[in-house]
């Protein structure tokens, strides 16, 4: 039997590790994402911060894209600050990296990225930052490039006194955990918006459920992000065309209501669209169909309950995507209180 002891010790270590609960993230707080290109909160957004005791804003500073003309990785859609950060609110800068950038020498920008985040914070009088976040929808193939890049970023950030968090999408739960201090499990954009038969591409429990079996063994500390936004999904001749955001579908001159979530285009016209710093037009034609899909509190509750059964510590901090007056009223006050309940409880415990 003696020759089996090392193997038994190994099994014991695996068993103990698997049964050891993962701690919540440090300093959990009620939080929001901010994803616009100008920080200039209106009265609705300011009231949201105050009413729900928002203590963290995960603020998109810029995107990283590959510029074909310059043959280089470049920042894009850089955030402009027109108001100071609300008192008592911590900013976590977020950098979105387009996954195609991982086909290029992304290691070359690791230190530049961190320095740019620090410089932007200092220039715009953002209270001292303690961490920042990288958002990237990496794949099993690009992981081979992305993870070494994150290691470089994490080491350089640590030398500057900063922690690193990353976003985790559902399909990534079945992959290796990235090198970082913690992750944000993104529980939105869970379905295929280009499929007309998708019940709700923003969040639908049945779309989430198959991925949750990987959650228990996922070895990363995490918190969670839930949606409050809505989409107007444009289909032309039965095929997906674009996502609209703020069309007045009650305008009976241009749209005819088929049901509560479906509209028929009655007049052809151009719609100006803006994504980051890019502007373009989307053409509406007679006979096009627009489907409205929004974050539903009932689905959020189902997903929260399922996550709570598997990894309750993840709910110690909830982040709402996003702080935008066009989206805030899609969920009511009492529903937000329930969504934030884990974060609020953690915040009160921190204050005691």
Protein backbone atom coordinates (compact mmCIF):
# COMPACT_ATOMS: atom_id res chain seq x y z
CA UNK A 1 0.00 0.00 0.00
CA UNK A 2 2.92 2.32 0.59
CA UNK A 3 3.41 3.01 -3.11
CA UNK A 4 -0.14 4.48 -3.37
CA UNK A 5 0.33 7.10 -0.63
CA UNK A 6 1.49 9.96 -2.92
CA UNK A 7 -1.57 9.40 -5.11
CA UNK A 8 -3.86 9.40 -2.06
CA UNK A 9 -2.25 12.61 -0.83
CA UNK A 10 -2.84 14.17 -4.24
CA UNK A 11 -6.51 13.16 -4.17
CA UNK A 12 -6.86 14.61 -0.68
CA UNK A 13 -5.39 17.94 -1.80
CA UNK A 14 -7.73 18.05 -4.80
CA UNK A 15 -10.72 17.23 -2.60
CA UNK A 16 -9.87 19.88 0.00
CA UNK A 17 -9.25 22.49 -2.71
CA UNK A 18 -12.53 21.69 -4.44
CA UNK A 19 -14.45 21.93 -1.17
CA UNK A 20 -12.84 25.18 0.00
CA UNK A 21 -15.25 28.08 -0.61
CA UNK A 22 -13.91 30.98 -2.65
CA UNK A 23 -13.84 34.31 -0.82
CA UNK A 24 -15.83 37.31 -2.06
CA UNK A 25 -13.96 40.08 -3.84
CA UNK A 26 -12.38 42.78 -1.68
CA UNK A 27 -14.47 45.80 -0.73
CA UNK A 28 -17.76 44.86 -2.46
CA UNK A 29 -20.03 47.84 -3.15
CA UNK A 30 -23.16 48.74 -5.14
CA UNK A 31 -21.70 49.52 -8.58
CA UNK A 32 -22.47 50.54 -12.15
CA UNK A 33 -20.80 50.46 -15.53
CA UNK A 34 -20.49 53.72 -17.47
CA UNK A 35 -20.08 53.16 -21.20
CA UNK A 36 -20.69 56.52 -22.87
CA UNK A 37 -17.90 58.59 -24.41
CA UNK A 38 -18.59 61.69 -22.30
CA UNK A 39 -18.88 61.67 -18.50
CA UNK A 40 -21.55 64.29 -17.89
CA UNK A 41 -24.26 62.70 -15.68
CA UNK A 42 -27.72 64.18 -16.07
CA UNK A 43 -30.19 64.52 -13.20
CA UNK A 44 -31.56 60.97 -13.66
CA UNK A 45 -28.08 59.43 -13.58
CA UNK A 46 -26.99 61.57 -10.61
CA UNK A 47 -30.14 60.56 -8.70
CA UNK A 48 -29.44 56.89 -9.41
CA UNK A 49 -25.95 57.18 -7.92
CA UNK A 50 -27.36 58.87 -4.83
CA UNK A 51 -30.50 56.76 -4.35
CA UNK A 52 -28.74 53.41 -4.48
CA UNK A 53 -25.54 54.43 -2.74
CA UNK A 54 -23.34 53.67 -5.74
CA UNK A 55 -19.75 53.52 -4.52
CA UNK A 56 -17.99 52.23 -7.63
CA UNK A 57 -18.24 53.25 -11.27
CA UNK A 58 -16.57 50.91 -13.74
CA UNK A 59 -15.86 53.57 -16.33
CA UNK A 60 -14.84 52.79 -19.90
CA UNK A 61 -11.81 55.00 -20.63
CA UNK A 62 -11.11 53.92 -24.22
CA UNK A 63 -11.14 51.01 -26.65
CA UNK A 64 -8.10 49.39 -28.24
CA UNK A 65 -8.51 48.74 -31.97
CA UNK A 66 -6.21 47.83 -34.85
CA UNK A 67 -5.73 50.75 -37.24
CA UNK A 68 -5.25 49.35 -40.73
CA UNK A 69 -3.82 52.59 -42.13
CA UNK A 70 -1.20 52.91 -39.39
CA UNK A 71 -0.71 49.15 -39.05
CA UNK A 72 -0.76 49.58 -35.29
CA UNK A 73 -2.86 49.08 -32.18
CA UNK A 74 -4.47 52.38 -31.27
CA UNK A 75 -6.80 53.85 -28.62
CA UNK A 76 -10.27 54.76 -29.86
CA UNK A 77 -13.37 56.52 -28.49
CA UNK A 78 -11.49 58.03 -25.55
CA UNK A 79 -13.69 59.20 -22.67
CA UNK A 80 -14.10 62.94 -22.10
CA UNK A 81 -14.78 64.29 -18.60
CA UNK A 82 -17.19 67.22 -18.31
CA UNK A 83 -18.11 66.76 -14.64
CA UNK A 84 -16.07 65.79 -11.60
CA UNK A 85 -16.48 62.33 -10.09
CA UNK A 86 -19.21 62.31 -7.39
CA UNK A 87 -17.82 62.49 -3.88
CA UNK A 88 -17.29 59.11 -2.23
CA UNK A 89 -17.36 57.21 -5.53
CA UNK A 90 -14.39 55.09 -6.63
CA UNK A 91 -13.62 54.89 -10.34
CA UNK A 92 -12.39 51.65 -11.86
CA UNK A 93 -11.14 52.48 -15.37
CA UNK A 94 -12.11 49.92 -18.01
CA UNK A 95 -10.30 49.33 -21.30
CA UNK A 96 -12.15 47.40 -23.99
CA UNK A 97 -9.85 45.43 -26.30
CA UNK A 98 -11.33 44.31 -29.61
CA UNK A 99 -10.61 40.58 -29.86
CA UNK A 100 -9.05 40.99 -33.32
CA UNK A 101 -6.25 43.00 -31.67
CA UNK A 102 -4.95 39.74 -30.21
CA UNK A 103 -3.79 38.75 -33.70
CA UNK A 104 -1.16 41.46 -33.47
CA UNK A 105 1.70 42.27 -31.08
CA UNK A 106 -0.53 43.13 -28.13
CA UNK A 107 2.33 42.62 -25.64
CA UNK A 108 3.88 45.82 -26.97
CA UNK A 109 1.09 47.93 -25.49
CA UNK A 110 0.89 46.32 -22.02
CA UNK A 111 2.82 49.06 -20.20
CA UNK A 112 1.52 51.82 -22.50
CA UNK A 113 -2.06 50.84 -21.65
CA UNK A 114 -1.48 51.03 -17.88
CA UNK A 115 0.39 54.35 -18.16
CA UNK A 116 -2.41 55.84 -20.29
CA UNK A 117 -5.04 54.84 -17.73
CA UNK A 118 -3.00 56.45 -14.93
CA UNK A 119 -2.33 59.61 -16.96
CA UNK A 120 -6.00 60.02 -17.92
CA UNK A 121 -7.01 59.69 -14.27
CA UNK A 122 -4.47 62.27 -13.11
CA UNK A 123 -5.25 64.72 -15.92
CA UNK A 124 -8.98 64.60 -15.22
CA UNK A 125 -8.64 64.77 -11.42
CA UNK A 126 -10.12 61.33 -10.87
CA UNK A 127 -9.65 60.33 -7.20
CA UNK A 128 -6.75 57.93 -6.75
CA UNK A 129 -7.47 54.70 -8.58
CA UNK A 130 -6.69 51.33 -6.99
CA UNK A 131 -7.47 49.02 -9.89
CA UNK A 132 -8.51 48.91 -13.48
CA UNK A 133 -10.28 46.41 -15.71
CA UNK A 134 -9.75 44.88 -19.12
CA UNK A 135 -12.77 43.80 -21.14
CA UNK A 136 -12.17 41.39 -24.02
CA UNK A 137 -14.22 38.57 -25.50
CA UNK A 138 -11.30 36.18 -25.91
CA UNK A 139 -11.66 32.69 -27.34
CA UNK A 140 -9.91 29.35 -26.79
CA UNK A 141 -7.63 30.24 -29.69
CA UNK A 142 -6.80 33.81 -28.69
CA UNK A 143 -6.33 32.80 -25.04
CA UNK A 144 -2.78 31.77 -25.96
CA UNK A 145 -2.00 35.41 -26.69
CA UNK A 146 -4.39 37.09 -24.26
CA UNK A 147 -3.28 35.38 -21.05
CA UNK A 148 0.48 36.18 -21.41
CA UNK A 149 -0.55 39.75 -22.24
CA UNK A 150 -2.63 39.89 -19.05
CA UNK A 151 0.35 38.61 -17.06
CA UNK A 152 2.44 41.52 -18.35
CA UNK A 153 -0.32 44.01 -17.61
CA UNK A 154 -0.94 42.58 -14.15
CA UNK A 155 2.76 42.65 -13.19
CA UNK A 156 3.27 46.21 -14.45
CA UNK A 157 0.03 47.39 -12.82
CA UNK A 158 1.07 45.82 -9.51
CA UNK A 159 4.34 47.74 -9.68
CA UNK A 160 2.21 50.89 -9.97
CA UNK A 161 0.04 49.85 -7.01
CA UNK A 162 -2.95 48.77 -9.09
CA UNK A 163 -4.97 45.55 -9.13
CA UNK A 164 -6.37 44.06 -12.32
CA UNK A 165 -9.87 42.72 -12.93
CA UNK A 166 -11.22 41.25 -16.16
CA UNK A 167 -14.64 40.50 -17.60
CA UNK A 168 -15.80 36.87 -17.81
CA UNK A 169 -18.46 35.84 -20.31
CA UNK A 170 -20.56 32.74 -19.83
CA UNK A 171 -18.91 30.74 -22.60
CA UNK A 172 -15.53 31.38 -20.94
CA UNK A 173 -16.53 29.52 -17.77
CA UNK A 174 -15.57 26.28 -19.51
CA UNK A 175 -12.06 27.62 -20.19
CA UNK A 176 -9.05 28.36 -18.02
CA UNK A 177 -9.36 31.32 -15.66
CA UNK A 178 -7.38 34.40 -16.75
CA UNK A 179 -4.51 35.76 -14.63
CA UNK A 180 -6.06 38.62 -12.67
CA UNK A 181 -7.13 39.61 -9.15
CA UNK A 182 -10.83 38.93 -9.82
CA UNK A 183 -13.38 38.69 -12.60
CA UNK A 184 -16.79 40.18 -13.37
CA UNK A 185 -19.26 37.55 -14.57
CA UNK A 186 -21.23 39.29 -17.31
CA UNK A 187 -24.81 38.07 -17.11
CA UNK A 188 -26.09 39.96 -20.11
CA UNK A 189 -25.90 39.59 -23.91
CA UNK A 190 -26.58 35.91 -23.27
CA UNK A 191 -28.44 35.11 -26.50
CA UNK A 192 -28.14 35.56 -30.25
CA UNK A 193 -29.77 38.88 -31.18
CA UNK A 194 -29.55 37.97 -34.88
CA UNK A 195 -31.92 35.04 -34.36
CA UNK A 196 -35.57 36.10 -34.50
CA UNK A 197 -36.54 33.05 -32.43
CA UNK A 198 -34.30 34.04 -29.51
CA UNK A 199 -36.70 34.89 -26.67
CA UNK A 200 -34.50 37.60 -25.16
CA UNK A 201 -30.87 38.00 -26.24
CA UNK A 202 -30.18 40.44 -23.39
CA UNK A 203 -30.83 37.94 -20.59
CA UNK A 204 -32.87 34.74 -20.58
CA UNK A 205 -32.50 32.11 -17.87
CA UNK A 206 -32.76 29.17 -20.27
CA UNK A 207 -29.79 30.55 -22.23
CA UNK A 208 -27.74 30.96 -19.03
CA UNK A 209 -28.58 27.63 -17.39
CA UNK A 210 -26.32 25.33 -19.51
CA UNK A 211 -23.22 27.35 -18.56
CA UNK A 212 -23.85 27.41 -14.81
CA UNK A 213 -22.65 23.82 -14.38
CA UNK A 214 -19.11 25.16 -14.84
CA UNK A 215 -19.51 27.88 -12.22
CA UNK A 216 -18.93 25.84 -9.06
CA UNK A 217 -15.46 24.69 -10.11
CA UNK A 218 -14.40 27.97 -11.71
CA UNK A 219 -11.38 28.94 -9.58
CA UNK A 220 -11.59 32.73 -9.80
CA UNK A 221 -12.97 35.24 -7.31
CA UNK A 222 -15.82 37.08 -9.00
CA UNK A 223 -18.67 39.51 -8.71
CA UNK A 224 -21.61 39.82 -11.10
CA UNK A 225 -23.02 42.29 -13.63
CA UNK A 226 -26.69 42.46 -14.64
CA UNK A 227 -28.37 44.51 -17.42
CA UNK A 228 -30.91 47.30 -17.32
CA UNK A 229 -30.84 48.23 -21.02
CA UNK A 230 -33.05 47.54 -24.01
CA UNK A 231 -32.50 47.02 -27.71
CA UNK A 232 -34.50 47.85 -30.80
CA UNK A 233 -33.47 45.04 -33.16
CA UNK A 234 -33.97 45.81 -36.85
CA UNK A 235 -34.75 43.01 -39.30
CA UNK A 236 -34.96 43.43 -43.08
CA UNK A 237 -36.77 40.74 -45.07
CA UNK A 238 -36.53 38.45 -42.09
CA UNK A 239 -32.77 38.90 -41.62
CA UNK A 240 -30.95 40.78 -38.88
CA UNK A 241 -29.69 44.21 -39.92
CA UNK A 242 -28.80 46.42 -36.94
CA UNK A 243 -29.45 47.32 -33.32
CA UNK A 244 -31.13 50.68 -32.84
CA UNK A 245 -31.20 52.38 -29.46
CA UNK A 246 -33.43 55.41 -29.19
CA UNK A 247 -36.03 55.50 -31.94
CA UNK A 248 -39.40 56.91 -30.90
CA UNK A 249 -41.49 53.89 -31.81
CA UNK A 250 -44.63 55.67 -30.61
CA UNK A 251 -44.34 57.93 -33.67
CA UNK A 252 -47.34 56.57 -35.60
CA UNK A 253 -46.28 58.43 -38.75
CA UNK A 254 -43.19 56.24 -39.09
CA UNK A 255 -44.03 53.09 -37.13
CA UNK A 256 -47.06 50.84 -36.71
CA UNK A 257 -47.35 48.77 -33.55
CA UNK A 258 -47.99 45.08 -34.19
CA UNK A 259 -47.83 44.08 -30.53
CA UNK A 260 -46.17 45.37 -27.36
CA UNK A 261 -42.68 44.44 -28.61
CA UNK A 262 -42.97 44.44 -32.41
CA UNK A 263 -43.16 47.41 -34.79
CA UNK A 264 -43.61 47.77 -38.55
CA UNK A 265 -41.68 50.48 -40.43
CA UNK A 266 -44.07 52.65 -42.47
CA UNK A 267 -41.72 55.25 -43.96
CA UNK A 268 -38.25 54.96 -45.45
CA UNK A 269 -35.58 57.21 -43.95
CA UNK A 270 -31.99 57.39 -42.75
CA UNK A 271 -31.15 57.09 -39.04
CA UNK A 272 -27.82 58.53 -37.84
CA UNK A 273 -25.90 56.10 -35.62
CA UNK A 274 -22.88 56.68 -33.39
CA UNK A 275 -20.63 53.98 -31.96
CA UNK A 276 -17.69 55.45 -30.09
CA UNK A 277 -16.27 58.15 -32.36
CA UNK A 278 -17.67 56.58 -35.52
CA UNK A 279 -20.79 57.90 -37.23
CA UNK A 280 -22.81 56.17 -39.92
CA UNK A 281 -26.38 55.92 -41.20
CA UNK A 282 -28.83 53.03 -41.04
CA UNK A 283 -31.52 53.05 -43.71
CA UNK A 284 -35.06 52.09 -42.73
CA UNK A 285 -37.33 50.80 -45.48
CA UNK A 286 -41.08 50.27 -45.64
CA UNK A 287 -41.85 46.78 -44.35
CA UNK A 288 -38.84 46.46 -42.05
CA UNK A 289 -39.57 45.03 -38.61
CA UNK A 290 -38.25 46.20 -35.24
CA UNK A 291 -38.33 43.91 -32.21
CA UNK A 292 -37.94 45.51 -28.79
CA UNK A 293 -36.06 43.46 -26.21
CA UNK A 294 -35.22 44.70 -22.74
CA UNK A 295 -33.78 43.48 -19.47
CA UNK A 296 -36.58 41.74 -17.56
CA UNK A 297 -36.47 41.72 -13.77
CA UNK A 298 -38.12 38.27 -13.69
CA UNK A 299 -35.19 36.81 -15.65
CA UNK A 300 -32.64 38.61 -13.47
CA UNK A 301 -34.30 37.09 -10.40
CA UNK A 302 -34.17 33.58 -11.85
CA UNK A 303 -30.50 33.92 -12.72
CA UNK A 304 -29.66 35.48 -9.34
CA UNK A 305 -31.33 32.59 -7.53
CA UNK A 306 -29.42 30.03 -9.61
CA UNK A 307 -26.08 31.78 -9.00
CA UNK A 308 -26.87 32.05 -5.29
CA UNK A 309 -27.37 28.27 -5.09
CA UNK A 310 -23.95 27.64 -6.64
CA UNK A 311 -21.64 30.52 -5.67
CA UNK A 312 -23.47 32.94 -3.31
CA UNK A 313 -20.33 35.00 -2.63
CA UNK A 314 -20.42 36.26 -6.23
CA UNK A 315 -23.53 38.29 -5.37
CA UNK A 316 -21.66 40.27 -2.70
CA UNK A 317 -21.15 42.91 -5.40
CA UNK A 318 -23.59 43.60 -8.20
CA UNK A 319 -22.75 45.92 -11.09
CA UNK A 320 -25.55 47.32 -13.24
CA UNK A 321 -24.87 47.81 -16.94
CA UNK A 322 -25.25 50.68 -17.38
CA UNK A 323 -25.52 54.18 -15.93
CA UNK A 324 -27.56 55.77 -18.70
CA UNK A 325 -30.77 57.74 -18.32
CA UNK A 326 -32.17 56.00 -21.42
CA UNK A 327 -31.97 52.68 -19.57
CA UNK A 328 -32.46 53.42 -15.89
CA UNK A 329 -36.25 53.43 -15.97
CA UNK A 330 -36.45 49.99 -17.60
CA UNK A 331 -36.31 48.61 -14.05
CA UNK A 332 -38.19 50.17 -11.12
CA UNK A 333 -36.86 51.33 -7.74
CA UNK A 334 -37.96 48.31 -5.73
CA UNK A 335 -36.51 45.93 -8.31
CA UNK A 336 -33.14 47.70 -8.21
CA UNK A 337 -33.15 47.38 -4.42
CA UNK A 338 -33.58 43.62 -4.75
CA UNK A 339 -30.89 43.35 -7.42
CA UNK A 340 -28.46 45.35 -5.28
CA UNK A 341 -29.43 43.57 -2.04
CA UNK A 342 -26.21 41.53 -1.84
CA UNK A 343 -24.04 44.57 -2.52
CA UNK A 344 -25.92 46.73 -0.03
CA UNK A 345 -25.59 44.08 2.68
CA UNK A 346 -21.86 43.80 2.01
CA UNK A 347 -21.50 47.59 2.08
CA UNK A 348 -23.23 47.82 5.45
CA UNK A 349 -21.03 45.04 6.82
CA UNK A 350 -17.95 46.96 5.66
CA UNK A 351 -19.13 50.07 7.49
CA UNK A 352 -19.64 48.30 10.83
